[in-house]
PDB file of N, CA and C in Angstrom:
ATOM      1  N   MET A   1       0.812  -1.176   0.000  1.00  0.00           N
ATOM      2  CA  MET A   1       0.000   0.000   0.000  1.00  0.00           C
ATOM      3  C   MET A   1       0.868   1.256   0.000  1.00  0.00           C
ATOM      4  N   PHE A   2       1.843   1.345   0.901  1.00  0.00           N
ATOM      5  CA  PHE A   2       2.708   2.507   0.985  1.00  0.00           C
ATOM      6  C   PHE A   2       4.110   2.208   0.460  1.00  0.00           C
ATOM      7  N   GLY A   3       4.255   1.129  -0.297  1.00  0.00           N
ATOM      8  CA  GLY A   3       5.561   0.765  -0.813  1.00  0.00           C
ATOM      9  C   GLY A   3       6.387  -0.067   0.147  1.00  0.00           C
ATOM     10  N   PHE A   4       5.803  -0.448   1.277  1.00  0.00           N
ATOM     11  CA  PHE A   4       6.516  -1.279   2.240  1.00  0.00           C
ATOM     12  C   PHE A   4       6.381  -2.743   1.855  1.00  0.00           C
ATOM     13  N   LYS A   5       7.479  -3.444   1.940  1.00  0.00           N
ATOM     14  CA  LYS A   5       7.452  -4.884   1.686  1.00  0.00           C
ATOM     15  C   LYS A   5       8.173  -5.567   2.839  1.00  0.00           C
ATOM     16  N   GLY A   6       7.755  -6.739   3.165  1.00  0.00           N
ATOM     17  CA  GLY A   6       8.448  -7.491   4.207  1.00  0.00           C
ATOM     18  C   GLY A   6       7.862  -7.277   5.579  1.00  0.00           C
ATOM     19  N   LYS A   7       8.758  -7.249   6.558  1.00  0.00           N
ATOM     20  CA  LYS A   7       8.329  -7.258   7.960  1.00  0.00           C
ATOM     21  C   LYS A   7       8.535  -5.919   8.649  1.00  0.00           C
ATOM     22  N   TYR A   8       8.751  -4.859   7.904  1.00  0.00           N
ATOM     23  CA  TYR A   8       8.914  -3.533   8.475  1.00  0.00           C
ATOM     24  C   TYR A   8      10.096  -3.436   9.435  1.00  0.00           C
ATOM     25  N   GLY A   9      11.158  -4.179   9.172  1.00  0.00           N
ATOM     26  CA  GLY A   9      12.353  -4.096   9.998  1.00  0.00           C
ATOM     27  C   GLY A   9      12.311  -4.920  11.270  1.00  0.00           C
ATOM     28  N   ILE A  10      11.255  -5.675  11.484  1.00  0.00           N
ATOM     29  CA  ILE A  10      11.140  -6.510  12.678  1.00  0.00           C
ATOM     30  C   ILE A  10      11.280  -7.965  12.251  1.00  0.00           C
ATOM     31  N   SER A  11      12.191  -8.679  12.884  1.00  0.00           N
ATOM     32  CA  SER A  11      12.365 -10.086  12.549  1.00  0.00           C
ATOM     33  C   SER A  11      12.760 -10.865  13.804  1.00  0.00           C
ATOM     34  N   PHE A  12      12.603 -12.157  13.714  1.00  0.00           N
ATOM     35  CA  PHE A  12      12.936 -13.042  14.822  1.00  0.00           C
ATOM     36  C   PHE A  12      13.614 -14.268  14.249  1.00  0.00           C
ATOM     37  N   SER A  13      14.671 -14.721  14.886  1.00  0.00           N
ATOM     38  CA  SER A  13      15.371 -15.906  14.426  1.00  0.00           C
ATOM     39  C   SER A  13      15.595 -16.853  15.602  1.00  0.00           C
ATOM     40  N   LEU A  14      15.012 -18.019  15.509  1.00  0.00           N
ATOM     41  CA  LEU A  14      15.186 -19.025  16.549  1.00  0.00           C
ATOM     42  C   LEU A  14      16.647 -19.496  16.600  1.00  0.00           C
ATOM     43  N   LYS A  15      17.289 -19.607  15.429  1.00  0.00           N
ATOM     44  CA  LYS A  15      18.687 -20.036  15.394  1.00  0.00           C
ATOM     45  C   LYS A  15      19.594 -19.050  16.127  1.00  0.00           C
ATOM     46  N   ARG A  16      19.328 -17.747  15.949  1.00  0.00           N
ATOM     47  CA  ARG A  16      20.126 -16.744  16.665  1.00  0.00           C
ATOM     48  C   ARG A  16      19.877 -16.824  18.162  1.00  0.00           C
ATOM     49  N   LEU A  17      18.614 -17.017  18.522  1.00  0.00           N
ATOM     50  CA  LEU A  17      18.252 -17.096  19.934  1.00  0.00           C
ATOM     51  C   LEU A  17      18.945 -18.270  20.616  1.00  0.00           C
ATOM     52  N   LEU A  18      19.026 -19.402  19.942  1.00  0.00           N
ATOM     53  CA  LEU A  18      19.633 -20.596  20.513  1.00  0.00           C
ATOM     54  C   LEU A  18      21.160 -20.604  20.396  1.00  0.00           C
ATOM     55  N   GLY A  19      21.719 -19.646  19.656  1.00  0.00           N
ATOM     56  CA  GLY A  19      23.169 -19.565  19.521  1.00  0.00           C
ATOM     57  C   GLY A  19      23.740 -20.418  18.412  1.00  0.00           C
ATOM     58  N   ILE A  20      22.891 -20.978  17.567  1.00  0.00           N
ATOM     59  CA  ILE A  20      23.375 -21.850  16.488  1.00  0.00           C
ATOM     60  C   ILE A  20      24.170 -21.051  15.462  1.00  0.00           C
ATOM     61  N   THR A  21      23.708 -19.851  15.131  1.00  0.00           N
ATOM     62  CA  THR A  21      24.390 -19.019  14.155  1.00  0.00           C
ATOM     63  C   THR A  21      25.798 -18.673  14.626  1.00  0.00           C
ATOM     64  N   GLY A  22      25.926 -18.273  15.861  1.00  0.00           N
ATOM     65  CA  GLY A  22      27.237 -17.945  16.408  1.00  0.00           C
ATOM     66  C   GLY A  22      28.157 -19.143  16.479  1.00  0.00           C
ATOM     67  N   MET A  23      27.602 -20.290  16.826  1.00  0.00           N
ATOM     68  CA  MET A  23      28.391 -21.513  16.911  1.00  0.00           C
ATOM     69  C   MET A  23      28.931 -21.897  15.531  1.00  0.00           C
ATOM     70  N   LYS A  24      28.088 -21.796  14.498  1.00  0.00           N
ATOM     71  CA  LYS A  24      28.525 -22.110  13.138  1.00  0.00           C
ATOM     72  C   LYS A  24      29.620 -21.153  12.685  1.00  0.00           C
ATOM     73  N   SER A  25      29.460 -19.881  13.007  1.00  0.00           N
ATOM     74  CA  SER A  25      30.449 -18.879  12.623  1.00  0.00           C
ATOM     75  C   SER A  25      31.783 -19.146  13.320  1.00  0.00           C
ATOM     76  N   SER A  26      31.722 -19.459  14.592  1.00  0.00           N
ATOM     77  CA  SER A  26      32.926 -19.751  15.360  1.00  0.00           C
ATOM     78  C   SER A  26      33.638 -20.987  14.805  1.00  0.00           C
ATOM     79  N   PHE A  27      32.881 -22.023  14.491  1.00  0.00           N
ATOM     80  CA  PHE A  27      33.443 -23.250  13.923  1.00  0.00           C
ATOM     81  C   PHE A  27      34.143 -22.953  12.603  1.00  0.00           C
ATOM     82  N   ALA A  28      33.489 -22.163  11.745  1.00  0.00           N
ATOM     83  CA  ALA A  28      34.052 -21.849  10.437  1.00  0.00           C
ATOM     84  C   ALA A  28      35.351 -21.057  10.575  1.00  0.00           C
ATOM     85  N   GLN A  29      35.406 -20.136  11.515  1.00  0.00           N
ATOM     86  CA  GLN A  29      36.612 -19.338  11.700  1.00  0.00           C
ATOM     87  C   GLN A  29      37.765 -20.172  12.248  1.00  0.00           C
ATOM     88  N   LYS A  30      37.474 -21.072  13.178  1.00  0.00           N
ATOM     89  CA  LYS A  30      38.535 -21.865  13.801  1.00  0.00           C
ATOM     90  C   LYS A  30      39.085 -22.932  12.863  1.00  0.00           C
ATOM     91  N   THR A  31      38.222 -23.568  12.061  1.00  0.00           N
ATOM     92  CA  THR A  31      38.654 -24.677  11.226  1.00  0.00           C
ATOM     93  C   THR A  31      38.972 -24.283   9.794  1.00  0.00           C
ATOM     94  N   GLY A  32      38.446 -23.157   9.339  1.00  0.00           N
ATOM     95  CA  GLY A  32      38.641 -22.758   7.948  1.00  0.00           C
ATOM     96  C   GLY A  32      37.689 -23.461   7.005  1.00  0.00           C
ATOM     97  N   ILE A  33      36.719 -24.193   7.551  1.00  0.00           N
ATOM     98  CA  ILE A  33      35.732 -24.908   6.744  1.00  0.00           C
ATOM     99  C   ILE A  33      34.444 -24.096   6.746  1.00  0.00           C
ATOM    100  N   PRO A  34      33.997 -23.617   5.586  1.00  0.00           N
ATOM    101  CA  PRO A  34      32.769 -22.828   5.546  1.00  0.00           C
ATOM    102  C   PRO A  34      31.546 -23.669   5.900  1.00  0.00           C
ATOM    103  N   THR A  35      30.564 -23.038   6.521  1.00  0.00           N
ATOM    104  CA  THR A  35      29.357 -23.761   6.915  1.00  0.00           C
ATOM    105  C   THR A  35      28.172 -23.438   6.016  1.00  0.00           C
ATOM    106  N   THR A  36      28.363 -22.545   5.048  1.00  0.00           N
ATOM    107  CA  THR A  36      27.283 -22.246   4.115  1.00  0.00           C
ATOM    108  C   THR A  36      27.479 -23.050   2.838  1.00  0.00           C
ATOM    109  N   LYS A  37      26.402 -23.285   2.137  1.00  0.00           N
ATOM    110  CA  LYS A  37      26.466 -24.060   0.893  1.00  0.00           C
ATOM    111  C   LYS A  37      27.352 -23.353  -0.135  1.00  0.00           C
ATOM    112  N   GLY A  38      27.148 -22.058  -0.286  1.00  0.00           N
ATOM    113  CA  GLY A  38      27.939 -21.303  -1.253  1.00  0.00           C
ATOM    114  C   GLY A  38      29.413 -21.270  -0.898  1.00  0.00           C
ATOM    115  N   GLY A  39      29.716 -21.075   0.373  1.00  0.00           N
ATOM    116  CA  GLY A  39      31.107 -21.046   0.814  1.00  0.00           C
ATOM    117  C   GLY A  39      31.809 -22.375   0.600  1.00  0.00           C
ATOM    118  N   LEU A  40      31.097 -23.439   0.881  1.00  0.00           N
ATOM    119  CA  LEU A  40      31.664 -24.774   0.694  1.00  0.00           C
ATOM    120  C   LEU A  40      31.915 -25.052  -0.785  1.00  0.00           C
ATOM    121  N   GLU A  41      30.971 -24.652  -1.646  1.00  0.00           N
ATOM    122  CA  GLU A  41      31.136 -24.851  -3.091  1.00  0.00           C
ATOM    123  C   GLU A  41      32.334 -24.063  -3.615  1.00  0.00           C
ATOM    124  N   ARG A  42      32.513 -22.831  -3.140  1.00  0.00           N
ATOM    125  CA  ARG A  42      33.662 -22.024  -3.575  1.00  0.00           C
ATOM    126  C   ARG A  42      34.975 -22.662  -3.145  1.00  0.00           C
ATOM    127  N   LYS A  43      35.020 -23.159  -1.918  1.00  0.00           N
ATOM    128  CA  LYS A  43      36.249 -23.772  -1.407  1.00  0.00           C
ATOM    129  C   LYS A  43      36.593 -25.038  -2.199  1.00  0.00           C
ATOM    130  N   ILE A  44      35.599 -25.854  -2.488  1.00  0.00           N
ATOM    131  CA  ILE A  44      35.828 -27.075  -3.267  1.00  0.00           C
ATOM    132  C   ILE A  44      36.292 -26.723  -4.675  1.00  0.00           C
ATOM    133  N   GLY A  45      35.667 -25.710  -5.283  1.00  0.00           N
ATOM    134  CA  GLY A  45      36.053 -25.280  -6.621  1.00  0.00           C
ATOM    135  C   GLY A  45      37.487 -24.800  -6.679  1.00  0.00           C
ATOM    136  N   ARG A  46      37.891 -23.999  -5.701  1.00  0.00           N
ATOM    137  CA  ARG A  46      39.275 -23.516  -5.645  1.00  0.00           C
ATOM    138  C   ARG A  46      40.255 -24.669  -5.500  1.00  0.00           C
ATOM    139  N   THR A  47      39.894 -25.653  -4.679  1.00  0.00           N
ATOM    140  CA  THR A  47      40.766 -26.802  -4.452  1.00  0.00           C
ATOM    141  C   THR A  47      40.946 -27.613  -5.731  1.00  0.00           C
ATOM    142  N   ILE A  48      39.850 -27.843  -6.447  1.00  0.00           N
ATOM    143  CA  ILE A  48      39.909 -28.602  -7.696  1.00  0.00           C
ATOM    144  C   ILE A  48      40.756 -27.862  -8.724  1.00  0.00           C
ATOM    145  N   LEU A  49      40.564 -26.557  -8.851  1.00  0.00           N
ATOM    146  CA  LEU A  49      41.346 -25.781  -9.815  1.00  0.00           C
ATOM    147  C   LEU A  49      42.825 -25.776  -9.444  1.00  0.00           C
ATOM    148  N   ALA A  50      43.124 -25.744  -8.168  1.00  0.00           N
ATOM    149  CA  ALA A  50      44.520 -25.750  -7.730  1.00  0.00           C
ATOM    150  C   ALA A  50      45.211 -27.056  -8.079  1.00  0.00           C
ATOM    151  N   VAL A  51      44.471 -28.159  -8.110  1.00  0.00           N
ATOM    152  CA  VAL A  51      45.046 -29.472  -8.444  1.00  0.00           C
ATOM    153  C   VAL A  51      45.451 -29.496  -9.915  1.00  0.00           C
ATOM    154  N   PHE A  52      44.635 -28.912 -10.784  1.00  0.00           N
ATOM    155  CA  PHE A  52      44.888 -28.976 -12.208  1.00  0.00           C
ATOM    156  C   PHE A  52      45.732 -27.821 -12.745  1.00  0.00           C
ATOM    157  N   LYS A  53      45.926 -26.789 -11.947  1.00  0.00           N
ATOM    158  CA  LYS A  53      46.711 -25.638 -12.376  1.00  0.00           C
ATOM    159  C   LYS A  53      48.201 -25.980 -12.259  1.00  0.00           C
ATOM    160  N   PRO A  54      48.939 -25.846 -13.360  1.00  0.00           N
ATOM    161  CA  PRO A  54      50.375 -26.175 -13.281  1.00  0.00           C
ATOM    162  C   PRO A  54      51.128 -25.159 -12.432  1.00  0.00           C
ATOM    163  N   LYS A  55      52.035 -25.661 -11.627  1.00  0.00           N
ATOM    164  CA  LYS A  55      52.842 -24.791 -10.771  1.00  0.00           C
ATOM    165  C   LYS A  55      54.032 -24.295 -11.556  1.00  0.00           C
ATOM    166  N   LYS A  56      54.407 -23.059 -11.307  1.00  0.00           N
ATOM    167  CA  LYS A  56      55.543 -22.469 -12.038  1.00  0.00           C
ATOM    168  C   LYS A  56      56.829 -22.645 -11.275  1.00  0.00           C
TER     169      LYS A  56
END
């Protein structure tokens, strides 16, 4: 009606409340293993390319 879409800046996350988001972030920082699908795909892609890229 007034051009507003979504939740008007109010949101709730059960994962944040339970600390799951922070735990995943902490795990990813300590181990270097991404916990998101996109991050994991990028890391695997880089690893595969590094195997086939000739070293100088």
